[in-house]
C-alpha atoms as a PDB file:
ATOM      1  CA  UNK A   1       0.000   0.000   0.000  1.00  0.00           C
ATOM      2  CA  UNK A   2       2.741   2.473   0.940  1.00  0.00           C
ATOM      3  CA  UNK A   3       4.507   1.742  -2.352  1.00  0.00           C
ATOM      4  CA  UNK A   4       1.335   2.570  -4.272  1.00  0.00           C
ATOM      5  CA  UNK A   5       0.891   5.853  -2.402  1.00  0.00           C
ATOM      6  CA  UNK A   6       4.506   6.895  -2.958  1.00  0.00           C
ATOM      7  CA  UNK A   7       3.756   7.066  -6.688  1.00  0.00           C
ATOM      8  CA  UNK A   8       1.331   9.901  -5.950  1.00  0.00           C
ATOM      9  CA  UNK A   9       3.729  12.053  -3.926  1.00  0.00           C
ATOM     10  CA  UNK A  10       4.893  15.194  -5.715  1.00  0.00           C
ATOM     11  CA  UNK A  11       8.582  14.250  -5.707  1.00  0.00           C
ATOM     12  CA  UNK A  12      11.044  16.776  -7.069  1.00  0.00           C
ATOM     13  CA  UNK A  13      14.752  17.285  -7.573  1.00  0.00           C
ATOM     14  CA  UNK A  14      16.835  19.327  -5.170  1.00  0.00           C
ATOM     15  CA  UNK A  15      17.058  22.026  -7.829  1.00  0.00           C
ATOM     16  CA  UNK A  16      13.266  22.312  -7.893  1.00  0.00           C
ATOM     17  CA  UNK A  17      13.149  22.384  -4.078  1.00  0.00           C
ATOM     18  CA  UNK A  18      15.626  25.288  -4.084  1.00  0.00           C
ATOM     19  CA  UNK A  19      13.624  27.101  -6.747  1.00  0.00           C
ATOM     20  CA  UNK A  20      10.438  26.682  -4.700  1.00  0.00           C
ATOM     21  CA  UNK A  21      12.103  27.785  -1.451  1.00  0.00           C
ATOM     22  CA  UNK A  22      13.661  30.856  -3.082  1.00  0.00           C
ATOM     23  CA  UNK A  23      10.405  31.718  -4.858  1.00  0.00           C
ATOM     24  CA  UNK A  24       8.343  31.461  -1.674  1.00  0.00           C
ATOM     25  CA  UNK A  25      10.702  33.715   0.306  1.00  0.00           C
ATOM     26  CA  UNK A  26      10.791  36.203  -2.583  1.00  0.00           C
ATOM     27  CA  UNK A  27       7.044  36.214  -3.245  1.00  0.00           C
ATOM     28  CA  UNK A  28       6.058  36.499   0.413  1.00  0.00           C
ATOM     29  CA  UNK A  29       8.636  39.237   0.913  1.00  0.00           C
ATOM     30  CA  UNK A  30       7.301  41.202  -2.068  1.00  0.00           C
ATOM     31  CA  UNK A  31       3.700  40.745  -0.965  1.00  0.00           C
ATOM     32  CA  UNK A  32       4.466  41.986   2.550  1.00  0.00           C
ATOM     33  CA  UNK A  33       6.436  44.981   1.229  1.00  0.00           C
ATOM     34  CA  UNK A  34       3.628  45.935  -1.153  1.00  0.00           C
ATOM     35  CA  UNK A  35       1.005  45.665   1.563  1.00  0.00           C
ATOM     36  CA  UNK A  36       3.141  47.679   3.973  1.00  0.00           C
ATOM     37  CA  UNK A  37       3.914  50.311   1.338  1.00  0.00           C
ATOM     38  CA  UNK A  38       0.191  50.583   0.613  1.00  0.00           C
ATOM     39  CA  UNK A  39      -0.561  51.337   4.249  1.00  0.00           C
ATOM     40  CA  UNK A  40       2.287  53.852   4.469  1.00  0.00           C
ATOM     41  CA  UNK A  41       1.127  55.529   1.266  1.00  0.00           C
ATOM     42  CA  UNK A  42      -2.465  55.730   2.507  1.00  0.00           C
ATOM     43  CA  UNK A  43      -1.358  57.811   5.498  1.00  0.00           C
ATOM     44  CA  UNK A  44       1.229  59.873   3.593  1.00  0.00           C
ATOM     45  CA  UNK A  45       4.212  58.270   5.310  1.00  0.00           C
ATOM     46  CA  UNK A  46       6.120  56.567   2.494  1.00  0.00           C
ATOM     47  CA  UNK A  47       9.338  58.017   3.951  1.00  0.00           C
ATOM     48  CA  UNK A  48       9.032  55.397   6.721  1.00  0.00           C
ATOM     49  CA  UNK A  49      10.065  52.786   4.168  1.00  0.00           C
ATOM     50  CA  UNK A  50      13.684  53.945   4.585  1.00  0.00           C
ATOM     51  CA  UNK A  51      13.967  52.968   8.264  1.00  0.00           C
ATOM     52  CA  UNK A  52      11.923  49.836   7.493  1.00  0.00           C
ATOM     53  CA  UNK A  53      14.499  48.789   4.861  1.00  0.00           C
ATOM     54  CA  UNK A  54      17.313  49.456   7.343  1.00  0.00           C
ATOM     55  CA  UNK A  55      15.569  47.355  10.008  1.00  0.00           C
ATOM     56  CA  UNK A  56      14.801  44.632   7.475  1.00  0.00           C
ATOM     57  CA  UNK A  57      18.445  44.478   6.420  1.00  0.00           C
ATOM     58  CA  UNK A  58      19.468  44.079  10.067  1.00  0.00           C
ATOM     59  CA  UNK A  59      16.846  41.367  10.532  1.00  0.00           C
ATOM     60  CA  UNK A  60      18.136  39.609   7.438  1.00  0.00           C
ATOM     61  CA  UNK A  61      21.766  39.632   8.569  1.00  0.00           C
ATOM     62  CA  UNK A  62      21.072  38.860  12.243  1.00  0.00           C
ATOM     63  CA  UNK A  63      18.212  36.340  12.045  1.00  0.00           C
ATOM     64  CA  UNK A  64      16.894  35.302   8.645  1.00  0.00           C
ATOM     65  CA  UNK A  65      20.204  34.540   6.911  1.00  0.00           C
ATOM     66  CA  UNK A  66      20.900  31.796   9.446  1.00  0.00           C
ATOM     67  CA  UNK A  67      17.489  30.252   8.818  1.00  0.00           C
ATOM     68  CA  UNK A  68      17.819  30.591   5.041  1.00  0.00           C
ATOM     69  CA  UNK A  69      21.264  28.957   4.998  1.00  0.00           C
ATOM     70  CA  UNK A  70      20.047  26.152   7.255  1.00  0.00           C
ATOM     71  CA  UNK A  71      17.107  25.511   4.900  1.00  0.00           C
ATOM     72  CA  UNK A  72      19.358  25.536   1.824  1.00  0.00           C
ATOM     73  CA  UNK A  73      21.813  23.135   3.474  1.00  0.00           C
ATOM     74  CA  UNK A  74      18.911  20.849   4.367  1.00  0.00           C
ATOM     75  CA  UNK A  75      17.627  20.852   0.790  1.00  0.00           C
ATOM     76  CA  UNK A  76      20.981  20.128  -0.848  1.00  0.00           C
ATOM     77  CA  UNK A  77      21.303  17.037   1.373  1.00  0.00           C
ATOM     78  CA  UNK A  78      17.975  15.682   0.058  1.00  0.00           C
ATOM     79  CA  UNK A  79      17.809  12.786  -2.330  1.00  0.00           C
ATOM     80  CA  UNK A  80      16.276  13.758  -5.651  1.00  0.00           C
ATOM     81  CA  UNK A  81      12.616  12.716  -5.636  1.00  0.00           C
ATOM     82  CA  UNK A  82      11.911  13.980  -2.111  1.00  0.00           C
ATOM     83  CA  UNK A  83       8.334  15.183  -1.657  1.00  0.00           C
ATOM     84  CA  UNK A  84       7.945  18.825  -2.652  1.00  0.00           C
ATOM     85  CA  UNK A  85       6.166  19.529   0.648  1.00  0.00           C
ATOM     86  CA  UNK A  86       9.462  18.673   2.326  1.00  0.00           C
ATOM     87  CA  UNK A  87      10.920  21.947   1.057  1.00  0.00           C
ATOM     88  CA  UNK A  88      10.413  23.024   4.675  1.00  0.00           C
ATOM     89  CA  UNK A  89      10.452  20.945   7.843  1.00  0.00           C
ATOM     90  CA  UNK A  90       7.245  20.315   9.793  1.00  0.00           C
ATOM     91  CA  UNK A  91       8.495  22.750  12.440  1.00  0.00           C
ATOM     92  CA  UNK A  92       8.949  25.437   9.775  1.00  0.00           C
ATOM     93  CA  UNK A  93       5.483  24.813   8.287  1.00  0.00           C
ATOM     94  CA  UNK A  94       4.027  25.243  11.806  1.00  0.00           C
ATOM     95  CA  UNK A  95       5.961  28.498  12.187  1.00  0.00           C
ATOM     96  CA  UNK A  96       4.546  29.675   8.844  1.00  0.00           C
ATOM     97  CA  UNK A  97       1.011  28.993  10.111  1.00  0.00           C
ATOM     98  CA  UNK A  98       1.774  30.874  13.328  1.00  0.00           C
ATOM     99  CA  UNK A  99       3.125  33.853  11.358  1.00  0.00           C
ATOM    100  CA  UNK A 100       0.054  33.869   9.102  1.00  0.00           C
ATOM    101  CA  UNK A 101      -2.168  33.886  12.181  1.00  0.00           C
ATOM    102  CA  UNK A 102      -0.169  36.732  13.707  1.00  0.00           C
ATOM    103  CA  UNK A 103      -0.436  38.669  10.432  1.00  0.00           C
ATOM    104  CA  UNK A 104      -4.213  38.221  10.443  1.00  0.00           C
ATOM    105  CA  UNK A 105      -4.427  39.427  14.041  1.00  0.00           C
ATOM    106  CA  UNK A 106      -2.217  42.447  13.332  1.00  0.00           C
ATOM    107  CA  UNK A 107      -4.182  43.425  10.217  1.00  0.00           C
ATOM    108  CA  UNK A 108      -7.409  43.293  12.184  1.00  0.00           C
ATOM    109  CA  UNK A 109      -6.069  45.149  15.197  1.00  0.00           C
ATOM    110  CA  UNK A 110      -6.416  48.842  15.913  1.00  0.00           C
ATOM    111  CA  UNK A 111      -2.691  49.477  15.501  1.00  0.00           C
ATOM    112  CA  UNK A 112      -1.812  52.569  13.466  1.00  0.00           C
ATOM    113  CA  UNK A 113      -1.220  52.007   9.747  1.00  0.00           C
ATOM    114  CA  UNK A 114       2.249  53.591  10.110  1.00  0.00           C
ATOM    115  CA  UNK A 115       3.268  50.843  12.552  1.00  0.00           C
ATOM    116  CA  UNK A 116       1.772  48.067  10.427  1.00  0.00           C
ATOM    117  CA  UNK A 117       3.378  49.460   7.284  1.00  0.00           C
ATOM    118  CA  UNK A 118       6.839  49.660   8.830  1.00  0.00           C
ATOM    119  CA  UNK A 119       6.450  46.201  10.356  1.00  0.00           C
ATOM    120  CA  UNK A 120       5.334  44.613   7.075  1.00  0.00           C
ATOM    121  CA  UNK A 121       8.017  46.332   4.986  1.00  0.00           C
ATOM    122  CA  UNK A 122      10.674  45.348   7.542  1.00  0.00           C
ATOM    123  CA  UNK A 123       9.666  41.673   7.548  1.00  0.00           C
ATOM    124  CA  UNK A 124       9.078  41.634   3.786  1.00  0.00           C
ATOM    125  CA  UNK A 125      12.438  43.169   2.940  1.00  0.00           C
ATOM    126  CA  UNK A 126      14.197  40.793   5.354  1.00  0.00           C
ATOM    127  CA  UNK A 127      12.625  37.761   3.666  1.00  0.00           C
ATOM    128  CA  UNK A 128      13.246  39.122   0.177  1.00  0.00           C
ATOM    129  CA  UNK A 129      16.882  39.971   0.944  1.00  0.00           C
ATOM    130  CA  UNK A 130      17.615  36.628   2.653  1.00  0.00           C
ATOM    131  CA  UNK A 131      16.160  34.712  -0.299  1.00  0.00           C
ATOM    132  CA  UNK A 132      19.488  35.444  -2.016  1.00  0.00           C
ATOM    133  CA  UNK A 133      20.997  32.361  -0.357  1.00  0.00           C
ATOM    134  CA  UNK A 134      18.544  29.963  -1.991  1.00  0.00           C
ATOM    135  CA  UNK A 135      18.731  31.806  -5.321  1.00  0.00           C
ATOM    136  CA  UNK A 136      22.529  31.669  -5.310  1.00  0.00           C
ATOM    137  CA  UNK A 137      22.594  27.945  -4.538  1.00  0.00           C
ATOM    138  CA  UNK A 138      19.892  27.250  -7.140  1.00  0.00           C
ATOM    139  CA  UNK A 139      21.881  29.227  -9.725  1.00  0.00           C
ATOM    140  CA  UNK A 140      25.045  27.197  -9.035  1.00  0.00           C
ATOM    141  CA  UNK A 141      23.082  24.055  -9.851  1.00  0.00           C
ATOM    142  CA  UNK A 142      23.136  20.385  -8.974  1.00  0.00           C
ATOM    143  CA  UNK A 143      26.795  19.912  -9.912  1.00  0.00           C
ATOM    144  CA  UNK A 144      27.699  21.599  -6.625  1.00  0.00           C
ATOM    145  CA  UNK A 145      25.408  19.487  -4.433  1.00  0.00           C
ATOM    146  CA  UNK A 146      26.825  16.697  -2.271  1.00  0.00           C
ATOM    147  CA  UNK A 147      26.566  13.119  -3.514  1.00  0.00           C
ATOM    148  CA  UNK A 148      23.431  11.633  -1.925  1.00  0.00           C
ATOM    149  CA  UNK A 149      23.777   8.236  -3.556  1.00  0.00           C
ATOM    150  CA  UNK A 150      25.915   7.165  -0.590  1.00  0.00           C
ATOM    151  CA  UNK A 151      25.668   8.454   2.973  1.00  0.00           C
ATOM    152  CA  UNK A 152      25.402  12.095   2.000  1.00  0.00           C
ATOM    153  CA  UNK A 153      29.033  13.055   2.442  1.00  0.00           C
ATOM    154  CA  UNK A 154      30.418  11.466  -0.716  1.00  0.00           C
ATOM    155  CA  UNK A 155      31.934   8.386   0.937  1.00  0.00           C
END
């Protein structure tokens, strides 16, 4: 039975996993920046995007880069054919759900649009900027991935 079900899993190469991971970080980052910029524009405070970009860059270097590199390293150790849903660990998928819930609560709160705009642009730019790690590894291609036909370290 398990063998029959494995035929249905959306297996993909490590290159595709990297493309998906990089695309998700980029798309979510862009969406958050656009939403935040919209709020800042609606209250005439687009200038607040400058400190938001500075904060987002700090967040990228101090927090998100570590997570992005860890995710990329995890993906390049996959065997080709790993389920596409495995692009992120279960723990990461749960964190994504938590962040989506927090975003919903923030959007529906009475917080000022200036605060929400800065917060969204900061997080969005951090995600967008840190996506460079997955894009760079994807661009280098499978020739630079470790050999997973043995124990993962080429021996």
